[in-house]
Amino acid sequence: MEMEALTSELSRRQRIKLLSSGGFAIPGFQGLIEPKTFKGAYGGRASAKSYFFVDLHLKRAMEQKGYRALCLRQVQKSLRESLKFLLEQRIEFWGLGSEFGIFESKIETPGGGEFVFHGLEGQTAESIKSFEGFDVADIEEGQTIRQRPLDLLIPTIIRKPGAEMWFRWNPRFDTDAVDKFWRASEPPPNSVLVHCGWEDNPYLADEIKRQIAADYKADPEKASHIWGGGYEVVTEGSYYARDLVASEREGRIGAFPYDPALPVITAWDIGVDDYTAVWFMQENGRRVRAIDYYETSGDGAQLIVEDALNSKPYKYAKHYFPHDVMVREWGAGAKTRIQTLRELGVNPVMVGVAQGPEERINATRRLLPIVDFDAQKTELGRKRLRNYRRRWSEPLQTFQGPLHDDNSHGADAFGEFAVNCMIRPNEPDPPRKPRDKYSRDDDEERVTWQTA
């Protein structure tokens, strides 16, 4: 029997019961049914997140007369981009057409409630505050929501007793507002968060499963983001993301601690009004260890030197600085940066020649295949390298030079080392000395990290 014919013979209570047997039957979503101030579901595509929340809306609307829901996304150029179309589909699927009123810009719920649909782009503080009074604010494509509207929206919605905010998103970056709200530290109070993937969806078509398998085979990193719900590690326009993916795949990100047998070389990018970044390197002539990374913003030279250098147990060989270390901008008394650094005990200071970004980028790309990163101490530095990218020109519809943002200082500091260090990757290994047939095995030269 067709679903529409079946539901036409059922009572209101029976329809609600039947509705509850749909998306709610997916085990991973069970925790989202009970009332909570904040509900979140994140993961890859084809996980049935949207279907679950739409069915939950309809169940609530059937149970609660006058149910009001605010359906939001960051950008909504037309109602076709909103949740309205899927709501209409599910209303028809469950045979609830006589219970809901479908209009051009809204859907009326039983008892005089409504579903309304808005984009947050272009909303003012006052217009966002006018959203008060809804039972639920449902945020779709949460990874695109910006911090300012989210900050205004939360107190506006939860001001009503019992009101809820629902979030669903496909993760993009850990710096996105929705990820910082849910996953950066402690979750918000009275909340529930679930991770869901295509593997959890029992209704997934075989055609989609085949496509997922093909995508993982063709480009595992991209598929892990799209289908697996992982962060986007290879961003369009990124300079080094694929190099860092290769580093992880090849075991070059792990436990690579400070080796007291070798001195440490630092490489800097100095910011006066923004970030100062420092990489800590050890090298043996053939390979490089990135053992640590430091960055700060708004601190003076003395505090930076104390925190970045003197507080660490490293033995330093030299310090690479960009050519602008000669300018008179750092410290009191119109001293040059290099004078200030030397007075603070930073020696020897190696001043690089003026280089364009292309030279640093090319040198970094050549060096990365022979760099081992300490996973814990360089985590933030690797994030800066991974997110360093070209800027997009909207008028020209093309990528141009490097984007100057929070990531560029860490990337430039790494590039300073890559340009100035004496290591030349991809050169053939020197011939090994002939073995002395009269020597003992333990007389052979032992190949270690220091001698490799």
Protein backbone atom coordinates (compact mmCIF):
# COMPACT_ATOMS: atom_id res chain seq x y z
CA MET A 1 0.00 0.00 0.00
CA GLU A 2 1.33 3.49 -0.86
CA MET A 3 2.41 5.64 2.10
CA GLU A 4 -0.11 8.37 1.25
CA ALA A 5 -3.00 5.89 1.17
CA LEU A 6 -1.85 4.29 4.39
CA THR A 7 -1.52 7.52 6.34
CA SER A 8 -4.92 8.79 5.16
CA GLU A 9 -6.52 5.98 7.16
CA LEU A 10 -4.59 6.72 10.35
CA SER A 11 -5.54 8.95 13.26
CA ARG A 12 -3.44 11.89 14.34
CA ARG A 13 -1.89 9.85 17.16
CA GLN A 14 -1.12 6.98 14.81
CA ARG A 15 0.56 9.36 12.36
CA ILE A 16 2.83 10.66 15.10
CA LYS A 17 3.74 7.11 16.06
CA LEU A 18 4.48 6.23 12.44
CA LEU A 19 6.52 9.41 12.05
CA SER A 20 8.60 8.42 15.07
CA SER A 21 9.56 5.16 13.37
CA GLY A 22 11.33 6.97 10.52
CA GLY A 23 14.48 8.99 11.09
CA PHE A 24 14.26 8.43 14.83
CA ALA A 25 15.00 4.75 14.24
CA ILE A 26 18.64 5.61 13.38
CA PRO A 27 20.53 4.70 16.59
CA GLY A 28 22.99 7.60 16.42
CA PHE A 29 20.22 10.19 16.62
CA GLN A 30 18.40 8.83 19.66
CA GLY A 31 20.10 11.25 22.02
CA LEU A 32 18.73 14.22 20.09
CA ILE A 33 15.07 13.48 20.71
CA GLU A 34 14.76 14.52 24.35
CA PRO A 35 14.59 18.26 25.20
CA LYS A 36 17.94 20.07 25.41
CA THR A 37 18.78 23.75 25.06
CA PHE A 38 21.42 23.00 22.45
CA LYS A 39 21.42 20.05 20.06
CA GLY A 40 24.15 19.41 17.52
CA ALA A 41 24.87 16.82 14.84
CA TYR A 42 28.03 16.96 12.75
CA GLY A 43 29.55 14.65 10.19
CA GLY A 44 29.85 14.00 6.49
CA ARG A 45 27.25 13.96 3.79
CA ALA A 46 24.61 11.27 3.36
CA SER A 47 24.26 10.79 7.12
CA ALA A 48 20.53 11.75 7.11
CA LYS A 49 21.07 14.71 9.48
CA SER A 50 18.62 16.97 7.64
CA TYR A 51 15.96 14.27 7.33
CA PHE A 52 16.16 13.54 11.03
CA PHE A 53 15.77 17.17 12.11
CA VAL A 54 12.92 17.80 9.65
CA ASP A 55 11.05 14.76 10.95
CA LEU A 56 11.70 15.94 14.51
CA HIS A 57 10.19 19.32 13.57
CA LEU A 58 7.06 17.62 12.23
CA LYS A 59 6.73 15.39 15.29
CA ARG A 60 7.03 18.44 17.58
CA ALA A 61 4.52 20.39 15.50
CA MET A 62 1.99 17.54 15.70
CA GLU A 63 2.40 17.24 19.47
CA GLN A 64 2.65 20.94 20.38
CA LYS A 65 -0.05 23.29 19.14
CA GLY A 66 1.25 26.62 17.87
CA TYR A 67 4.79 25.27 17.38
CA ARG A 68 7.08 27.99 15.96
CA ALA A 69 10.43 27.22 14.31
CA LEU A 70 12.99 29.60 12.85
CA CYS A 71 15.02 27.94 10.07
CA LEU A 72 18.33 29.70 9.47
CA ARG A 73 21.43 29.58 7.32
CA GLN A 74 24.17 32.14 6.76
CA VAL A 75 23.32 32.87 3.13
CA GLN A 76 19.84 32.35 1.67
CA LYS A 77 19.39 33.91 -1.75
CA SER A 78 16.06 32.18 -2.31
CA LEU A 79 13.67 29.89 -0.48
CA ARG A 80 14.88 27.02 -2.68
CA GLU A 81 18.10 27.15 -0.64
CA SER A 82 16.21 26.89 2.65
CA LEU A 83 14.76 23.98 4.59
CA LYS A 84 11.29 24.74 3.21
CA PHE A 85 11.46 22.38 0.24
CA LEU A 86 12.52 19.39 2.37
CA LEU A 87 9.81 20.17 4.93
CA GLU A 88 7.21 20.14 2.16
CA GLN A 89 8.55 16.81 0.88
CA ARG A 90 8.38 15.19 4.30
CA ILE A 91 4.92 16.58 5.02
CA GLU A 92 3.76 14.89 1.81
CA PHE A 93 5.66 11.69 2.59
CA TRP A 94 4.00 11.31 5.98
CA GLY A 95 0.57 12.19 4.62
CA LEU A 96 0.27 15.32 6.79
CA GLY A 97 -0.87 17.74 4.09
CA SER A 98 -4.18 18.41 5.83
CA GLU A 99 -2.39 19.40 9.05
CA PHE A 100 0.00 22.03 7.62
CA GLY A 101 -0.58 25.11 5.50
CA ILE A 102 1.94 25.53 2.69
CA PHE A 103 2.42 29.16 1.62
CA GLU A 104 4.95 30.93 -0.58
CA SER A 105 7.22 32.15 2.22
CA LYS A 106 6.21 30.08 5.25
CA ILE A 107 4.57 26.88 6.45
CA GLU A 108 1.81 27.07 9.05
CA THR A 109 1.72 24.42 11.78
CA PRO A 110 -1.31 23.05 13.64
CA GLY A 111 -2.68 25.51 16.17
CA GLY A 112 -1.46 28.71 14.53
CA GLY A 113 2.30 28.20 14.61
CA GLU A 114 4.71 28.53 11.71
CA PHE A 115 8.01 27.66 10.08
CA VAL A 116 9.83 30.77 8.81
CA PHE A 117 13.06 30.90 6.81
CA HIS A 118 15.83 33.50 6.95
CA GLY A 119 19.45 34.04 5.97
CA LEU A 120 21.73 35.67 8.51
CA GLU A 121 23.79 37.49 5.88
CA GLY A 122 22.92 41.18 6.04
CA GLN A 123 20.93 40.92 9.26
CA THR A 124 21.53 43.75 11.75
CA ALA A 125 21.80 43.36 15.51
CA GLU A 126 18.27 44.71 15.85
CA SER A 127 16.79 42.36 13.25
CA ILE A 128 18.43 39.34 14.91
CA LYS A 129 17.01 40.41 18.27
CA SER A 130 13.54 40.35 16.67
CA PHE A 131 13.86 36.54 16.38
CA GLU A 132 12.95 36.17 20.05
CA GLY A 133 9.97 33.97 20.90
CA PHE A 134 10.53 30.93 18.68
CA ASP A 135 10.43 27.44 20.13
CA VAL A 136 13.37 26.27 18.01
CA ALA A 137 16.07 27.96 15.97
CA ASP A 138 17.35 25.41 13.45
CA ILE A 139 20.73 26.26 11.92
CA GLU A 140 21.66 24.33 8.79
CA GLU A 141 25.04 24.44 7.04
CA GLY A 142 26.37 25.52 10.42
CA GLN A 143 29.99 25.57 9.23
CA THR A 144 29.22 28.79 7.31
CA ILE A 145 27.71 30.69 10.26
CA ARG A 146 29.82 33.65 11.30
CA GLN A 147 30.76 34.53 14.84
CA ARG A 148 28.94 37.87 15.19
CA PRO A 149 25.43 36.68 14.24
CA LEU A 150 25.90 33.54 16.35
CA ASP A 151 26.85 35.66 19.37
CA LEU A 152 23.67 37.73 18.93
CA LEU A 153 21.41 34.81 18.15
CA ILE A 154 22.12 32.60 21.17
CA PRO A 155 20.84 34.94 23.92
CA THR A 156 17.91 35.98 21.71
CA ILE A 157 16.60 32.44 21.26
CA ILE A 158 17.25 30.92 24.68
CA ARG A 159 15.57 33.87 26.41
CA LYS A 160 12.29 31.99 25.93
CA PRO A 161 11.90 29.23 28.57
CA GLY A 162 12.27 25.80 26.98
CA ALA A 163 13.49 27.14 23.64
CA GLU A 164 16.09 25.10 21.79
CA MET A 165 18.83 25.70 19.22
CA TRP A 166 19.62 22.95 16.73
CA PHE A 167 22.87 22.85 14.78
CA ARG A 168 23.92 20.54 12.00
CA TRP A 169 27.02 20.91 9.92
CA ASN A 170 29.69 19.29 7.81
CA PRO A 171 32.96 20.32 9.52
CA ARG A 172 35.28 22.54 7.54
CA PHE A 173 37.86 24.21 9.82
CA ASP A 174 38.35 24.07 13.58
CA THR A 175 38.32 27.87 13.50
CA ASP A 176 34.72 28.06 12.24
CA ALA A 177 32.35 29.65 14.75
CA VAL A 178 30.19 26.54 15.10
CA ASP A 179 33.20 24.32 15.84
CA LYS A 180 34.57 26.74 18.39
CA PHE A 181 31.15 26.83 20.07
CA TRP A 182 30.78 23.05 20.22
CA ARG A 183 34.22 21.45 20.06
CA ALA A 184 36.96 23.90 21.06
CA SER A 185 36.60 23.37 24.81
CA GLU A 186 33.73 22.39 27.08
CA PRO A 187 30.37 21.86 25.33
CA PRO A 188 27.63 24.41 26.06
CA PRO A 189 25.39 23.74 29.10
CA ASN A 190 22.36 21.46 28.78
CA SER A 191 23.48 20.21 25.38
CA VAL A 192 23.86 17.03 23.38
CA LEU A 193 26.22 16.55 20.44
CA VAL A 194 26.42 13.52 18.15
CA HIS A 195 28.75 12.59 15.33
CA CYS A 196 27.03 10.87 12.42
CA GLY A 197 28.30 9.40 9.19
CA TRP A 198 27.03 7.69 6.08
CA GLU A 199 27.81 4.35 7.75
CA ASP A 200 25.07 5.11 10.30
CA ASN A 201 22.38 5.65 7.65
CA PRO A 202 20.48 2.37 7.08
CA TYR A 203 18.53 3.90 4.20
CA LEU A 204 21.55 4.86 2.08
CA ALA A 205 21.21 3.84 -1.56
CA ASP A 206 23.72 1.43 -3.08
CA GLU A 207 24.58 3.98 -5.78
CA ILE A 208 25.78 6.45 -3.15
CA LYS A 209 27.80 3.75 -1.39
CA ARG A 210 29.58 2.98 -4.65
CA GLN A 211 30.30 6.67 -5.19
CA ILE A 212 31.73 6.99 -1.67
CA ALA A 213 34.05 4.02 -2.26
CA ALA A 214 35.22 5.51 -5.56
CA ASP A 215 35.89 8.91 -3.96
CA TYR A 216 37.96 7.39 -1.16
CA LYS A 217 40.02 5.52 -3.72
CA ALA A 218 40.58 8.58 -5.91
CA ASP A 219 41.31 11.17 -3.21
CA PRO A 220 41.26 9.90 0.39
CA GLU A 221 41.84 13.30 2.00
CA LYS A 222 39.04 14.98 0.10
CA ALA A 223 36.66 12.05 0.66
CA SER A 224 37.44 12.04 4.37
CA HIS A 225 36.24 15.65 4.52
CA ILE A 226 33.17 15.30 2.30
CA TRP A 227 31.90 11.90 3.38
CA GLY A 228 33.72 11.24 6.64
CA GLY A 229 33.08 14.61 8.27
CA GLY A 230 36.75 15.36 8.92
CA TYR A 231 38.21 18.84 8.74
CA GLU A 232 39.21 20.12 5.33
CA VAL A 233 42.95 19.40 5.25
CA VAL A 234 43.50 20.27 1.61
CA THR A 235 41.95 23.69 1.14
CA GLU A 236 41.56 25.10 -2.34
CA GLY A 237 44.42 27.53 -2.87
CA SER A 238 46.53 26.07 -0.05
CA TYR A 239 50.29 26.08 -0.61
CA TYR A 240 51.40 23.24 1.68
CA ALA A 241 48.32 21.21 2.70
CA ARG A 242 49.13 18.21 0.48
CA ASP A 243 52.76 18.24 1.63
CA LEU A 244 51.62 17.98 5.25
CA VAL A 245 49.19 15.19 4.39
CA ALA A 246 52.15 13.34 2.88
CA SER A 247 54.20 14.04 6.02
CA GLU A 248 51.56 12.40 8.19
CA ARG A 249 51.06 9.48 5.81
CA GLU A 250 54.81 8.80 5.70
CA GLY A 251 55.30 8.93 9.47
CA ARG A 252 57.12 12.27 9.54
CA ILE A 253 54.76 13.72 12.16
CA GLY A 254 55.22 12.03 15.51
CA ALA A 255 57.61 11.92 18.46
CA PHE A 256 60.62 13.94 17.30
CA PRO A 257 61.86 15.63 20.48
CA TYR A 258 64.82 17.89 21.15
CA ASP A 259 68.15 16.12 20.75
CA PRO A 260 70.71 17.63 23.18
CA ALA A 261 73.55 16.42 20.95
CA LEU A 262 72.64 19.00 18.29
CA PRO A 263 72.17 22.76 18.59
CA VAL A 264 68.87 24.47 17.81
CA ILE A 265 68.35 27.00 15.03
CA THR A 266 65.41 29.39 15.26
CA ALA A 267 63.64 31.11 12.38
CA TRP A 268 61.49 34.19 12.99
CA ASP A 269 58.84 36.40 11.51
CA ILE A 270 58.39 39.55 13.59
CA GLY A 271 55.04 41.25 13.97
CA VAL A 272 54.62 44.60 15.68
CA ASP A 273 50.84 44.93 15.59
CA ASP A 274 50.13 41.26 14.89
CA TYR A 275 51.75 37.86 15.34
CA THR A 276 55.41 37.09 15.96
CA ALA A 277 56.20 33.49 15.03
CA VAL A 278 59.26 31.34 15.81
CA TRP A 279 60.18 27.86 14.56
CA PHE A 280 62.77 25.74 16.42
CA MET A 281 64.81 23.46 14.15
CA GLN A 282 67.60 20.92 14.40
CA GLU A 283 69.43 19.64 11.35
CA ASN A 284 72.19 17.17 10.60
CA GLY A 285 73.09 18.22 7.08
CA ARG A 286 70.68 15.76 5.50
CA ARG A 287 67.38 16.05 7.43
CA VAL A 288 65.58 18.59 9.58
CA ARG A 289 63.64 18.20 12.81
CA ALA A 290 61.01 20.82 13.62
CA ILE A 291 60.97 20.33 17.40
CA ASP A 292 58.91 23.32 18.56
CA TYR A 293 56.86 26.33 17.51
CA TYR A 294 55.98 29.58 19.31
CA GLU A 295 53.75 32.51 18.45
CA THR A 296 52.37 35.50 20.28
CA SER A 297 50.59 38.74 19.54
CA GLY A 298 50.95 42.18 21.10
CA ASP A 299 53.93 41.38 23.38
CA GLY A 300 57.10 43.42 23.57
CA ALA A 301 60.58 42.26 22.61
CA GLN A 302 61.76 41.42 26.13
CA LEU A 303 58.75 39.24 26.94
CA ILE A 304 58.94 37.49 23.56
CA VAL A 305 62.62 36.64 23.98
CA GLU A 306 62.03 35.40 27.53
CA ASP A 307 59.05 33.23 26.57
CA ALA A 308 60.29 32.04 23.20
CA LEU A 309 63.97 31.41 23.94
CA ASN A 310 65.09 31.71 27.54
CA SER A 311 62.31 29.59 29.01
CA LYS A 312 63.25 26.59 26.89
CA PRO A 313 66.10 24.14 27.64
CA TYR A 314 67.61 24.40 24.17
CA LYS A 315 71.21 25.12 23.19
CA TYR A 316 71.06 27.64 20.34
CA ALA A 317 73.40 27.89 17.36
CA LYS A 318 71.92 30.86 15.47
CA HIS A 319 68.75 32.77 14.81
CA TYR A 320 67.40 33.54 11.33
CA PHE A 321 65.50 36.81 10.96
CA PRO A 322 63.95 38.46 7.90
CA HIS A 323 65.68 41.48 6.39
CA ASP A 324 63.28 43.90 8.09
CA VAL A 325 64.97 43.14 11.42
CA MET A 326 67.14 46.18 10.54
CA VAL A 327 64.26 48.68 10.73
CA ARG A 328 63.72 51.06 13.66
CA GLU A 329 60.42 49.82 14.96
CA TRP A 330 60.98 47.54 17.94
CA GLY A 331 61.74 48.70 21.46
CA ALA A 332 62.33 52.09 22.99
CA GLY A 333 64.78 54.75 21.92
CA ALA A 334 64.33 54.32 18.16
CA LYS A 335 66.62 51.29 18.17
CA THR A 336 66.62 48.88 15.33
CA ARG A 337 65.14 45.48 15.94
CA ILE A 338 68.53 43.84 15.62
CA GLN A 339 69.99 46.16 18.27
CA THR A 340 67.17 45.32 20.65
CA LEU A 341 67.60 41.59 20.06
CA ARG A 342 71.37 41.66 20.64
CA GLU A 343 70.94 43.62 23.86
CA LEU A 344 68.53 40.92 25.02
CA GLY A 345 71.17 38.25 24.38
CA VAL A 346 69.92 36.88 21.08
CA ASN A 347 73.15 35.98 19.26
CA PRO A 348 74.15 35.43 16.58
CA VAL A 349 71.41 37.11 14.57
CA MET A 350 71.50 36.02 10.94
CA VAL A 351 69.83 38.62 8.74
CA GLY A 352 68.25 37.23 5.60
CA VAL A 353 68.31 38.96 2.26
CA ALA A 354 65.13 40.57 0.95
CA GLN A 355 63.02 37.77 -0.51
CA GLY A 356 59.68 37.74 -2.21
CA PRO A 357 57.01 35.29 -1.07
CA GLU A 358 57.62 33.09 -4.11
CA GLU A 359 61.18 32.33 -2.98
CA ARG A 360 60.04 31.38 0.52
CA ILE A 361 57.20 29.24 -0.81
CA ASN A 362 59.42 27.38 -3.28
CA ALA A 363 62.12 26.82 -0.66
CA THR A 364 59.54 25.51 1.82
CA ARG A 365 58.11 23.10 -0.73
CA ARG A 366 61.59 21.75 -1.46
CA LEU A 367 62.37 21.33 2.23
CA LEU A 368 59.15 19.81 3.57
CA PRO A 369 59.80 16.23 2.29
CA ILE A 370 62.86 15.96 4.57
CA VAL A 371 61.35 17.58 7.67
CA ASP A 372 60.19 15.58 10.69
CA PHE A 373 57.68 17.41 12.91
CA ASP A 374 57.19 16.82 16.61
CA ALA A 375 53.45 16.20 16.71
CA GLN A 376 52.69 17.85 20.04
CA LYS A 377 54.93 20.91 20.08
CA THR A 378 54.46 21.93 16.44
CA GLU A 379 50.69 21.40 16.24
CA LEU A 380 49.88 25.10 15.94
CA GLY A 381 52.75 25.70 13.52
CA ARG A 382 51.58 22.90 11.23
CA LYS A 383 48.10 24.37 11.32
CA ARG A 384 49.56 27.68 10.13
CA LEU A 385 51.38 25.95 7.29
CA ARG A 386 48.33 23.92 6.30
CA ASN A 387 46.05 26.98 6.16
CA TYR A 388 48.50 29.29 4.40
CA ARG A 389 46.90 29.92 1.02
CA ARG A 390 46.43 32.15 -1.98
CA ARG A 391 43.92 34.96 -1.83
CA TRP A 392 40.87 34.76 -4.07
CA SER A 393 40.04 37.71 -6.33
CA GLU A 394 36.27 37.89 -6.75
CA PRO A 395 36.36 40.38 -9.67
CA LEU A 396 38.94 38.31 -11.56
CA GLN A 397 37.58 34.93 -10.40
CA THR A 398 41.08 33.61 -9.84
CA PHE A 399 43.67 33.03 -7.13
CA GLN A 400 46.43 35.58 -6.73
CA GLY A 401 49.34 36.03 -4.29
CA PRO A 402 49.48 34.85 -0.66
CA LEU A 403 46.65 35.84 1.66
CA HIS A 404 47.90 37.83 4.65
CA ASP A 405 46.07 36.50 7.71
CA ASP A 406 46.83 34.77 11.02
CA ASN A 407 48.57 31.91 9.18
CA SER A 408 51.03 33.91 7.13
CA HIS A 409 53.49 34.70 9.95
CA GLY A 410 54.08 31.08 10.89
CA ALA A 411 54.47 30.17 7.22
CA ASP A 412 56.89 33.06 6.60
CA ALA A 413 59.01 32.08 9.60
CA PHE A 414 59.29 28.52 8.26
CA GLY A 415 60.15 29.95 4.86
CA GLU A 416 62.90 32.04 6.44
CA PHE A 417 64.57 28.85 7.63
CA ALA A 418 64.02 27.09 4.32
CA VAL A 419 65.63 29.92 2.34
CA ASN A 420 68.65 30.35 4.61
CA CYS A 421 69.54 26.85 5.77
CA MET A 422 72.34 25.11 3.92
CA ILE A 423 70.44 21.87 3.34
CA ARG A 424 69.76 21.11 -0.29
CA PRO A 425 67.13 18.37 -0.59
CA ASN A 426 67.11 15.72 -3.30
CA GLU A 427 70.90 15.60 -3.61
CA PRO A 428 72.27 12.04 -3.88
CA ASP A 429 73.72 10.43 -0.75
CA PRO A 430 77.52 10.47 -0.63
CA PRO A 431 79.17 7.11 -1.40
CA ARG A 432 79.75 4.97 1.65
CA LYS A 433 83.33 4.15 2.60
CA PRO A 434 84.48 0.63 1.59
CA ARG A 435 84.23 -1.85 4.42
CA ASP A 436 87.54 -2.91 5.91
CA LYS A 437 87.44 -6.68 5.73
CA TYR A 438 89.64 -6.91 8.84
CA SER A 439 87.42 -4.66 10.97
CA ARG A 440 84.98 -5.97 13.55
CA ASP A 441 81.23 -5.41 13.16
CA ASP A 442 81.16 -2.98 16.07
CA ASP A 443 83.82 -0.86 14.39
CA GLU A 444 81.38 0.04 11.62
CA GLU A 445 80.13 3.60 11.69
CA ARG A 446 76.72 3.64 13.34
CA VAL A 447 74.14 5.59 11.36
CA THR A 448 72.04 7.72 13.72
CA TRP A 449 69.81 10.80 13.45
CA GLN A 450 72.95 12.92 14.05
CA THR A 451 74.94 11.25 11.27
CA ALA A 452 72.33 10.18 8.73
